[in-house]
């Protein structure tokens, strides 16, 4: 468990708010958060461990808020392309080992 001082918690809260702002469509805030958390935590793995739950929770709030406006047929049109992208990403990641 990492222990943070008060000023570090303040930076973490500002980073979390920036993630929320980035999820609303304001460009640039997503880029700001990654180096801030990397400097705050000290390494890239720890930064990813902090950012991933924040990003997932922001996505869950976005889905809950926008689900009544979703156009399911249009989303289903994207499924084949998403699967192709995931397969290509998996091949590239496996080749990197």
PDB file of N, CA and C in Angstrom:
ATOM      1  N   UNK A   1       0.848  -1.182   0.000  1.00  0.00           N
ATOM      2  CA  UNK A   1       0.000   0.000   0.000  1.00  0.00           C
ATOM      3  C   UNK A   1       0.883   1.232   0.000  1.00  0.00           C
ATOM      4  N   UNK A   2       0.606   2.106  -0.903  1.00  0.00           N
ATOM      5  CA  UNK A   2       1.384   3.337  -1.006  1.00  0.00           C
ATOM      6  C   UNK A   2       0.790   4.378  -0.053  1.00  0.00           C
ATOM      7  N   UNK A   3       1.658   5.087   0.621  1.00  0.00           N
ATOM      8  CA  UNK A   3       1.195   6.156   1.506  1.00  0.00           C
ATOM      9  C   UNK A   3       1.510   7.492   0.850  1.00  0.00           C
ATOM     10  N   UNK A   4       0.528   8.356   0.844  1.00  0.00           N
ATOM     11  CA  UNK A   4       0.675   9.654   0.211  1.00  0.00           C
ATOM     12  C   UNK A   4       0.491  10.759   1.245  1.00  0.00           C
ATOM     13  N   UNK A   5       1.171  11.849   1.011  1.00  0.00           N
ATOM     14  CA  UNK A   5       0.977  13.023   1.844  1.00  0.00           C
ATOM     15  C   UNK A   5      -0.240  13.790   1.346  1.00  0.00           C
ATOM     16  N   UNK A   6      -0.643  14.790   2.115  1.00  0.00           N
ATOM     17  CA  UNK A   6      -1.863  15.528   1.753  1.00  0.00           C
ATOM     18  C   UNK A   6      -1.757  16.200   0.396  1.00  0.00           C
ATOM     19  N   UNK A   7      -0.628  16.790   0.075  1.00  0.00           N
ATOM     20  CA  UNK A   7      -0.485  17.465  -1.209  1.00  0.00           C
ATOM     21  C   UNK A   7      -0.545  16.463  -2.354  1.00  0.00           C
ATOM     22  N   UNK A   8      -0.059  15.227  -2.105  1.00  0.00           N
ATOM     23  CA  UNK A   8      -0.138  14.204  -3.140  1.00  0.00           C
ATOM     24  C   UNK A   8      -1.582  13.748  -3.344  1.00  0.00           C
ATOM     25  N   UNK A   9      -2.350  13.653  -2.257  1.00  0.00           N
ATOM     26  CA  UNK A   9      -3.763  13.317  -2.388  1.00  0.00           C
ATOM     27  C   UNK A   9      -4.502  14.410  -3.149  1.00  0.00           C
ATOM     28  N   UNK A  10      -4.131  15.647  -2.916  1.00  0.00           N
ATOM     29  CA  UNK A  10      -4.745  16.759  -3.638  1.00  0.00           C
ATOM     30  C   UNK A  10      -4.479  16.639  -5.138  1.00  0.00           C
ATOM     31  N   UNK A  11      -3.252  16.308  -5.497  1.00  0.00           N
ATOM     32  CA  UNK A  11      -2.916  16.104  -6.908  1.00  0.00           C
ATOM     33  C   UNK A  11      -3.700  14.926  -7.482  1.00  0.00           C
ATOM     34  N   UNK A  12      -3.849  13.858  -6.690  1.00  0.00           N
ATOM     35  CA  UNK A  12      -4.614  12.695  -7.152  1.00  0.00           C
ATOM     36  C   UNK A  12      -6.074  13.065  -7.385  1.00  0.00           C
ATOM     37  N   UNK A  13      -6.647  13.867  -6.506  1.00  0.00           N
ATOM     38  CA  UNK A  13      -8.040  14.295  -6.680  1.00  0.00           C
ATOM     39  C   UNK A  13      -8.176  15.179  -7.925  1.00  0.00           C
ATOM     40  N   UNK A  14      -7.226  16.072  -8.120  1.00  0.00           N
ATOM     41  CA  UNK A  14      -7.251  16.916  -9.321  1.00  0.00           C
ATOM     42  C   UNK A  14      -7.130  16.044 -10.575  1.00  0.00           C
ATOM     43  N   UNK A  15      -6.287  15.025 -10.517  1.00  0.00           N
ATOM     44  CA  UNK A  15      -6.165  14.095 -11.641  1.00  0.00           C
ATOM     45  C   UNK A  15      -7.459  13.338 -11.900  1.00  0.00           C
ATOM     46  N   UNK A  16      -8.133  12.909 -10.831  1.00  0.00           N
ATOM     47  CA  UNK A  16      -9.403  12.206 -10.991  1.00  0.00           C
ATOM     48  C   UNK A  16     -10.457  13.120 -11.597  1.00  0.00           C
ATOM     49  N   UNK A  17     -10.499  14.363 -11.145  1.00  0.00           N
ATOM     50  CA  UNK A  17     -11.432  15.324 -11.744  1.00  0.00           C
ATOM     51  C   UNK A  17     -11.100  15.581 -13.208  1.00  0.00           C
ATOM     52  N   UNK A  18      -9.821  15.602 -13.521  1.00  0.00           N
ATOM     53  CA  UNK A  18      -9.405  15.798 -14.915  1.00  0.00           C
ATOM     54  C   UNK A  18      -9.840  14.638 -15.795  1.00  0.00           C
ATOM     55  N   UNK A  19      -9.832  13.437 -15.237  1.00  0.00           N
ATOM     56  CA  UNK A  19     -10.330  12.280 -15.996  1.00  0.00           C
ATOM     57  C   UNK A  19     -11.809  12.464 -16.295  1.00  0.00           C
ATOM     58  N   UNK A  20     -12.559  12.911 -15.295  1.00  0.00           N
ATOM     59  CA  UNK A  20     -13.978  13.164 -15.518  1.00  0.00           C
ATOM     60  C   UNK A  20     -14.212  14.220 -16.572  1.00  0.00           C
ATOM     61  N   UNK A  21     -13.411  15.275 -16.543  1.00  0.00           N
ATOM     62  CA  UNK A  21     -13.536  16.331 -17.550  1.00  0.00           C
ATOM     63  C   UNK A  21     -13.168  15.794 -18.929  1.00  0.00           C
ATOM     64  N   UNK A  22     -12.129  14.964 -18.998  1.00  0.00           N
ATOM     65  CA  UNK A  22     -11.726  14.383 -20.283  1.00  0.00           C
ATOM     66  C   UNK A  22     -12.816  13.475 -20.844  1.00  0.00           C
ATOM     67  N   UNK A  23     -13.535  12.779 -19.965  1.00  0.00           N
ATOM     68  CA  UNK A  23     -14.612  11.895 -20.426  1.00  0.00           C
ATOM     69  C   UNK A  23     -15.810  12.669 -20.957  1.00  0.00           C
ATOM     70  N   UNK A  24     -15.920  13.948 -20.600  1.00  0.00           N
ATOM     71  CA  UNK A  24     -17.017  14.752 -21.128  1.00  0.00           C
ATOM     72  C   UNK A  24     -16.721  15.267 -22.524  1.00  0.00           C
ATOM     73  N   UNK A  25     -15.517  15.073 -23.002  1.00  0.00           N
ATOM     74  CA  UNK A  25     -15.189  15.461 -24.364  1.00  0.00           C
ATOM     75  C   UNK A  25     -14.271  16.651 -24.475  1.00  0.00           C
ATOM     76  N   UNK A  26     -13.721  17.120 -23.379  1.00  0.00           N
ATOM     77  CA  UNK A  26     -12.788  18.248 -23.436  1.00  0.00           C
ATOM     78  C   UNK A  26     -11.409  17.702 -23.796  1.00  0.00           C
ATOM     79  N   UNK A  27     -10.911  18.038 -24.970  1.00  0.00           N
ATOM     80  CA  UNK A  27      -9.624  17.470 -25.377  1.00  0.00           C
ATOM     81  C   UNK A  27      -8.468  18.021 -24.549  1.00  0.00           C
ATOM     82  N   UNK A  28      -7.468  17.199 -24.360  1.00  0.00           N
ATOM     83  CA  UNK A  28      -6.265  17.650 -23.674  1.00  0.00           C
ATOM     84  C   UNK A  28      -6.168  17.224 -22.226  1.00  0.00           C
ATOM     85  N   UNK A  29      -7.278  17.039 -21.554  1.00  0.00           N
ATOM     86  CA  UNK A  29      -7.215  16.677 -20.148  1.00  0.00           C
ATOM     87  C   UNK A  29      -6.734  15.239 -19.939  1.00  0.00           C
ATOM     88  N   UNK A  30      -7.038  14.352 -20.865  1.00  0.00           N
ATOM     89  CA  UNK A  30      -6.582  12.973 -20.753  1.00  0.00           C
ATOM     90  C   UNK A  30      -5.071  12.851 -20.833  1.00  0.00           C
ATOM     91  N   UNK A  31      -4.455  13.693 -21.634  1.00  0.00           N
ATOM     92  CA  UNK A  31      -3.002  13.700 -21.768  1.00  0.00           C
ATOM     93  C   UNK A  31      -2.353  14.225 -20.495  1.00  0.00           C
ATOM     94  N   UNK A  32      -3.001  15.160 -19.848  1.00  0.00           N
ATOM     95  CA  UNK A  32      -2.477  15.764 -18.620  1.00  0.00           C
ATOM     96  C   UNK A  32      -2.396  14.756 -17.478  1.00  0.00           C
ATOM     97  N   UNK A  33      -3.351  13.841 -17.398  1.00  0.00           N
ATOM     98  CA  UNK A  33      -3.466  12.958 -16.245  1.00  0.00           C
ATOM     99  C   UNK A  33      -2.378  11.892 -16.214  1.00  0.00           C
ATOM    100  N   UNK A  34      -2.011  11.363 -17.348  1.00  0.00           N
ATOM    101  CA  UNK A  34      -1.060  10.249 -17.385  1.00  0.00           C
ATOM    102  C   UNK A  34       0.294  10.616 -16.771  1.00  0.00           C
ATOM    103  N   UNK A  35       0.961  11.679 -17.192  1.00  0.00           N
ATOM    104  CA  UNK A  35       2.241  12.002 -16.555  1.00  0.00           C
ATOM    105  C   UNK A  35       2.101  12.436 -15.102  1.00  0.00           C
ATOM    106  N   UNK A  36       0.985  13.073 -14.758  1.00  0.00           N
ATOM    107  CA  UNK A  36       0.788  13.479 -13.361  1.00  0.00           C
ATOM    108  C   UNK A  36       0.743  12.262 -12.454  1.00  0.00           C
ATOM    109  N   UNK A  37      -0.014  11.246 -12.845  1.00  0.00           N
ATOM    110  CA  UNK A  37      -0.090  10.045 -12.019  1.00  0.00           C
ATOM    111  C   UNK A  37       1.218   9.258 -12.044  1.00  0.00           C
ATOM    112  N   UNK A  38       1.925   9.280 -13.161  1.00  0.00           N
ATOM    113  CA  UNK A  38       3.226   8.592 -13.213  1.00  0.00           C
ATOM    114  C   UNK A  38       4.215   9.253 -12.256  1.00  0.00           C
ATOM    115  N   UNK A  39       4.213  10.583 -12.197  1.00  0.00           N
ATOM    116  CA  UNK A  39       5.090  11.284 -11.260  1.00  0.00           C
ATOM    117  C   UNK A  39       4.625  11.099  -9.818  1.00  0.00           C
ATOM    118  N   UNK A  40       3.332  11.050  -9.610  1.00  0.00           N
ATOM    119  CA  UNK A  40       2.779  10.918  -8.274  1.00  0.00           C
ATOM    120  C   UNK A  40       3.093   9.554  -7.668  1.00  0.00           C
ATOM    121  N   UNK A  41       2.892   8.513  -8.437  1.00  0.00           N
ATOM    122  CA  UNK A  41       3.079   7.154  -7.936  1.00  0.00           C
ATOM    123  C   UNK A  41       4.538   6.722  -8.030  1.00  0.00           C
ATOM    124  N   UNK A  42       5.233   7.156  -9.074  1.00  0.00           N
ATOM    125  CA  UNK A  42       6.647   6.834  -9.177  1.00  0.00           C
ATOM    126  C   UNK A  42       7.009   5.841 -10.257  1.00  0.00           C
ATOM    127  N   UNK A  43       6.042   5.093 -10.758  1.00  0.00           N
ATOM    128  CA  UNK A  43       6.339   4.150 -11.839  1.00  0.00           C
ATOM    129  C   UNK A  43       5.105   3.976 -12.717  1.00  0.00           C
ATOM    130  N   UNK A  44       5.318   3.444 -13.895  1.00  0.00           N
ATOM    131  CA  UNK A  44       4.231   3.311 -14.865  1.00  0.00           C
ATOM    132  C   UNK A  44       3.214   2.255 -14.446  1.00  0.00           C
ATOM    133  N   UNK A  45       3.665   1.167 -13.846  1.00  0.00           N
ATOM    134  CA  UNK A  45       2.746   0.102 -13.441  1.00  0.00           C
ATOM    135  C   UNK A  45       1.827   0.592 -12.329  1.00  0.00           C
ATOM    136  N   UNK A  46       2.388   1.277 -11.356  1.00  0.00           N
ATOM    137  CA  UNK A  46       1.574   1.825 -10.279  1.00  0.00           C
ATOM    138  C   UNK A  46       0.603   2.870 -10.787  1.00  0.00           C
ATOM    139  N   UNK A  47       1.041   3.669 -11.746  1.00  0.00           N
ATOM    140  CA  UNK A  47       0.178   4.681 -12.343  1.00  0.00           C
ATOM    141  C   UNK A  47      -1.000   4.023 -13.052  1.00  0.00           C
ATOM    142  N   UNK A  48      -0.744   2.965 -13.777  1.00  0.00           N
ATOM    143  CA  UNK A  48      -1.828   2.240 -14.449  1.00  0.00           C
ATOM    144  C   UNK A  48      -2.777   1.630 -13.426  1.00  0.00           C
ATOM    145  N   UNK A  49      -2.237   1.167 -12.309  1.00  0.00           N
ATOM    146  CA  UNK A  49      -3.068   0.602 -11.249  1.00  0.00           C
ATOM    147  C   UNK A  49      -3.992   1.636 -10.622  1.00  0.00           C
ATOM    148  N   UNK A  50      -3.576   2.872 -10.597  1.00  0.00           N
ATOM    149  CA  UNK A  50      -4.425   3.951 -10.082  1.00  0.00           C
ATOM    150  C   UNK A  50      -5.393   4.454 -11.137  1.00  0.00           C
ATOM    151  N   UNK A  51      -4.942   4.557 -12.374  1.00  0.00           N
ATOM    152  CA  UNK A  51      -5.773   5.148 -13.424  1.00  0.00           C
ATOM    153  C   UNK A  51      -6.873   4.213 -13.915  1.00  0.00           C
ATOM    154  N   UNK A  52      -6.599   2.926 -13.993  1.00  0.00           N
ATOM    155  CA  UNK A  52      -7.586   2.008 -14.555  1.00  0.00           C
ATOM    156  C   UNK A  52      -8.909   2.018 -13.792  1.00  0.00           C
ATOM    157  N   UNK A  53      -8.921   1.929 -12.465  1.00  0.00           N
ATOM    158  CA  UNK A  53     -10.222   2.010 -11.771  1.00  0.00           C
ATOM    159  C   UNK A  53     -10.922   3.356 -11.969  1.00  0.00           C
ATOM    160  N   UNK A  54     -10.144   4.441 -12.050  1.00  0.00           N
ATOM    161  CA  UNK A  54     -10.753   5.744 -12.298  1.00  0.00           C
ATOM    162  C   UNK A  54     -11.406   5.792 -13.677  1.00  0.00           C
ATOM    163  N   UNK A  55     -10.711   5.268 -14.680  1.00  0.00           N
ATOM    164  CA  UNK A  55     -11.264   5.265 -16.036  1.00  0.00           C
ATOM    165  C   UNK A  55     -12.491   4.366 -16.146  1.00  0.00           C
ATOM    166  N   UNK A  56     -12.450   3.213 -15.483  1.00  0.00           N
ATOM    167  CA  UNK A  56     -13.599   2.299 -15.513  1.00  0.00           C
ATOM    168  C   UNK A  56     -14.805   2.934 -14.845  1.00  0.00           C
ATOM    169  N   UNK A  57     -14.598   3.559 -13.686  1.00  0.00           N
ATOM    170  CA  UNK A  57     -15.735   4.184 -13.008  1.00  0.00           C
ATOM    171  C   UNK A  57     -16.286   5.352 -13.821  1.00  0.00           C
ATOM    172  N   UNK A  58     -15.421   6.115 -14.486  1.00  0.00           N
ATOM    173  CA  UNK A  58     -15.904   7.203 -15.344  1.00  0.00           C
ATOM    174  C   UNK A  58     -16.721   6.643 -16.507  1.00  0.00           C
ATOM    175  N   UNK A  59     -16.296   5.525 -17.074  1.00  0.00           N
ATOM    176  CA  UNK A  59     -17.065   4.900 -18.153  1.00  0.00           C
ATOM    177  C   UNK A  59     -18.411   4.398 -17.655  1.00  0.00           C
ATOM    178  N   UNK A  60     -18.447   3.835 -16.456  1.00  0.00           N
ATOM    179  CA  UNK A  60     -19.712   3.345 -15.911  1.00  0.00           C
ATOM    180  C   UNK A  60     -20.698   4.495 -15.695  1.00  0.00           C
ATOM    181  N   UNK A  61     -20.215   5.616 -15.184  1.00  0.00           N
ATOM    182  CA  UNK A  61     -21.089   6.779 -15.035  1.00  0.00           C
ATOM    183  C   UNK A  61     -21.578   7.276 -16.389  1.00  0.00           C
ATOM    184  N   UNK A  62     -20.706   7.283 -17.383  1.00  0.00           N
ATOM    185  CA  UNK A  62     -21.103   7.744 -18.716  1.00  0.00           C
ATOM    186  C   UNK A  62     -22.153   6.827 -19.323  1.00  0.00           C
ATOM    187  N   UNK A  63     -21.975   5.535 -19.176  1.00  0.00           N
ATOM    188  CA  UNK A  63     -22.959   4.584 -19.715  1.00  0.00           C
ATOM    189  C   UNK A  63     -24.286   4.737 -18.996  1.00  0.00           C
ATOM    190  N   UNK A  64     -24.247   4.879 -17.675  1.00  0.00           N
ATOM    191  CA  UNK A  64     -25.491   5.034 -16.921  1.00  0.00           C
ATOM    192  C   UNK A  64     -26.222   6.308 -17.321  1.00  0.00           C
ATOM    193  N   UNK A  65     -25.493   7.356 -17.595  1.00  0.00           N
ATOM    194  CA  UNK A  65     -26.108   8.635 -17.944  1.00  0.00           C
ATOM    195  C   UNK A  65     -26.658   8.649 -19.370  1.00  0.00           C
ATOM    196  N   UNK A  66     -25.929   8.049 -20.304  1.00  0.00           N
ATOM    197  CA  UNK A  66     -26.280   8.152 -21.723  1.00  0.00           C
ATOM    198  C   UNK A  66     -27.025   6.941 -22.269  1.00  0.00           C
ATOM    199  N   UNK A  67     -27.329   5.957 -21.454  1.00  0.00           N
ATOM    200  CA  UNK A  67     -27.924   4.726 -21.990  1.00  0.00           C
ATOM    201  C   UNK A  67     -29.295   4.947 -22.606  1.00  0.00           C
ATOM    202  N   UNK A  68     -30.055   5.909 -22.118  1.00  0.00           N
ATOM    203  CA  UNK A  68     -31.387   6.139 -22.681  1.00  0.00           C
ATOM    204  C   UNK A  68     -31.337   6.783 -24.063  1.00  0.00           C
ATOM    205  N   UNK A  69     -30.180   7.303 -24.428  1.00  0.00           N
ATOM    206  CA  UNK A  69     -30.025   7.939 -25.734  1.00  0.00           C
ATOM    207  C   UNK A  69     -29.275   7.048 -26.734  1.00  0.00           C
ATOM    208  N   UNK A  70     -28.946   5.842 -26.311  1.00  0.00           N
ATOM    209  CA  UNK A  70     -28.158   4.948 -27.166  1.00  0.00           C
ATOM    210  C   UNK A  70     -28.995   4.448 -28.341  1.00  0.00           C
ATOM    211  N   UNK A  71     -28.342   4.296 -29.463  1.00  0.00           N
ATOM    212  CA  UNK A  71     -28.959   3.734 -30.649  1.00  0.00           C
ATOM    213  C   UNK A  71     -28.325   2.358 -30.872  1.00  0.00           C
ATOM    214  N   UNK A  72     -28.970   1.347 -30.327  1.00  0.00           N
ATOM    215  CA  UNK A  72     -28.422  -0.009 -30.311  1.00  0.00           C
ATOM    216  C   UNK A  72     -28.059  -0.520 -31.701  1.00  0.00           C
ATOM    217  N   UNK A  73     -28.881  -0.345 -32.734  1.00  0.00           N
ATOM    218  CA  UNK A  73     -28.487  -0.842 -34.067  1.00  0.00           C
ATOM    219  C   UNK A  73     -27.159  -0.237 -34.552  1.00  0.00           C
ATOM    220  N   UNK A  74     -26.954   1.036 -34.262  1.00  0.00           N
ATOM    221  CA  UNK A  74     -25.697   1.666 -34.686  1.00  0.00           C
ATOM    222  C   UNK A  74     -24.516   1.108 -33.899  1.00  0.00           C
ATOM    223  N   UNK A  75     -24.723   0.805 -32.621  1.00  0.00           N
ATOM    224  CA  UNK A  75     -23.654   0.203 -31.825  1.00  0.00           C
ATOM    225  C   UNK A  75     -23.318  -1.203 -32.314  1.00  0.00           C
ATOM    226  N   UNK A  76     -24.337  -1.954 -32.694  1.00  0.00           N
ATOM    227  CA  UNK A  76     -24.105  -3.318 -33.181  1.00  0.00           C
ATOM    228  C   UNK A  76     -23.341  -3.328 -34.500  1.00  0.00           C
ATOM    229  N   UNK A  77     -23.464  -2.270 -35.284  1.00  0.00           N
ATOM    230  CA  UNK A  77     -22.686  -2.169 -36.525  1.00  0.00           C
ATOM    231  C   UNK A  77     -21.188  -2.094 -36.239  1.00  0.00           C
ATOM    232  N   UNK A  78     -20.818  -1.615 -35.068  1.00  0.00           N
ATOM    233  CA  UNK A  78     -19.406  -1.457 -34.716  1.00  0.00           C
ATOM    234  C   UNK A  78     -18.763  -2.735 -34.193  1.00  0.00           C
ATOM    235  N   UNK A  79     -19.567  -3.699 -33.770  1.00  0.00           N
ATOM    236  CA  UNK A  79     -19.033  -4.903 -33.129  1.00  0.00           C
ATOM    237  C   UNK A  79     -17.997  -5.627 -33.986  1.00  0.00           C
ATOM    238  N   UNK A  80     -18.221  -5.871 -35.287  1.00  0.00           N
ATOM    239  CA  UNK A  80     -17.188  -6.568 -36.064  1.00  0.00           C
ATOM    240  C   UNK A  80     -15.856  -5.819 -36.084  1.00  0.00           C
ATOM    241  N   UNK A  81     -15.907  -4.495 -36.199  1.00  0.00           N
ATOM    242  CA  UNK A  81     -14.677  -3.706 -36.246  1.00  0.00           C
ATOM    243  C   UNK A  81     -13.964  -3.706 -34.893  1.00  0.00           C
ATOM    244  N   UNK A  82     -14.732  -3.709 -33.836  1.00  0.00           N
ATOM    245  CA  UNK A  82     -14.136  -3.786 -32.494  1.00  0.00           C
ATOM    246  C   UNK A  82     -13.432  -5.128 -32.319  1.00  0.00           C
ATOM    247  N   UNK A  83     -14.074  -6.197 -32.746  1.00  0.00           N
ATOM    248  CA  UNK A  83     -13.472  -7.524 -32.626  1.00  0.00           C
ATOM    249  C   UNK A  83     -12.200  -7.640 -33.462  1.00  0.00           C
ATOM    250  N   UNK A  84     -12.223  -7.066 -34.656  1.00  0.00           N
ATOM    251  CA  UNK A  84     -11.020  -7.071 -35.499  1.00  0.00           C
ATOM    252  C   UNK A  84      -9.904  -6.288 -34.815  1.00  0.00           C
ATOM    253  N   UNK A  85     -10.217  -5.138 -34.278  1.00  0.00           N
ATOM    254  CA  UNK A  85      -9.208  -4.339 -33.577  1.00  0.00           C
ATOM    255  C   UNK A  85      -8.643  -5.049 -32.363  1.00  0.00           C
ATOM    256  N   UNK A  86      -9.500  -5.733 -31.621  1.00  0.00           N
ATOM    257  CA  UNK A  86      -9.019  -6.487 -30.457  1.00  0.00           C
ATOM    258  C   UNK A  86      -8.117  -7.642 -30.887  1.00  0.00           C
ATOM    259  N   UNK A  87      -8.478  -8.310 -31.976  1.00  0.00           N
ATOM    260  CA  UNK A  87      -7.658  -9.427 -32.462  1.00  0.00           C
ATOM    261  C   UNK A  87      -6.296  -8.926 -32.931  1.00  0.00           C
ATOM    262  N   UNK A  88      -6.276  -7.829 -33.674  1.00  0.00           N
ATOM    263  CA  UNK A  88      -5.003  -7.265 -34.142  1.00  0.00           C
ATOM    264  C   UNK A  88      -4.158  -6.828 -32.942  1.00  0.00           C
ATOM    265  N   UNK A  89      -4.762  -6.181 -31.970  1.00  0.00           N
ATOM    266  CA  UNK A  89      -4.035  -5.789 -30.768  1.00  0.00           C
ATOM    267  C   UNK A  89      -3.476  -6.985 -30.020  1.00  0.00           C
ATOM    268  N   UNK A  90      -4.257  -8.068 -29.936  1.00  0.00           N
ATOM    269  CA  UNK A  90      -3.776  -9.279 -29.270  1.00  0.00           C
ATOM    270  C   UNK A  90      -2.591  -9.899 -30.004  1.00  0.00           C
ATOM    271  N   UNK A  91      -2.640  -9.917 -31.337  1.00  0.00           N
ATOM    272  CA  UNK A  91      -1.526 -10.456 -32.125  1.00  0.00           C
ATOM    273  C   UNK A  91      -0.268  -9.604 -31.931  1.00  0.00           C
ATOM    274  N   UNK A  92      -0.445  -8.282 -31.955  1.00  0.00           N
ATOM    275  CA  UNK A  92       0.703  -7.395 -31.787  1.00  0.00           C
ATOM    276  C   UNK A  92       1.308  -7.547 -30.393  1.00  0.00           C
ATOM    277  N   UNK A  93       0.449  -7.635 -29.376  1.00  0.00           N
ATOM    278  CA  UNK A  93       0.957  -7.802 -28.009  1.00  0.00           C
ATOM    279  C   UNK A  93       1.649  -9.151 -27.828  1.00  0.00           C
ATOM    280  N   UNK A  94       1.105 -10.198 -28.461  1.00  0.00           N
ATOM    281  CA  UNK A  94       1.716 -11.520 -28.343  1.00  0.00           C
ATOM    282  C   UNK A  94       3.055 -11.566 -29.063  1.00  0.00           C
ATOM    283  N   UNK A  95       3.172 -10.838 -30.179  1.00  0.00           N
ATOM    284  CA  UNK A  95       4.421 -10.812 -30.935  1.00  0.00           C
ATOM    285  C   UNK A  95       5.507 -10.045 -30.183  1.00  0.00           C
ATOM    286  N   UNK A  96       5.101  -9.167 -29.288  1.00  0.00           N
ATOM    287  CA  UNK A  96       6.071  -8.355 -28.532  1.00  0.00           C
ATOM    288  C   UNK A  96       6.783  -9.168 -27.470  1.00  0.00           C
ATOM    289  N   UNK A  97       6.233 -10.271 -27.074  1.00  0.00           N
ATOM    290  CA  UNK A  97       6.844 -11.107 -26.029  1.00  0.00           C
ATOM    291  C   UNK A  97       8.060 -11.716 -26.560  1.00  0.00           C
TER     292      UNK A  97
END
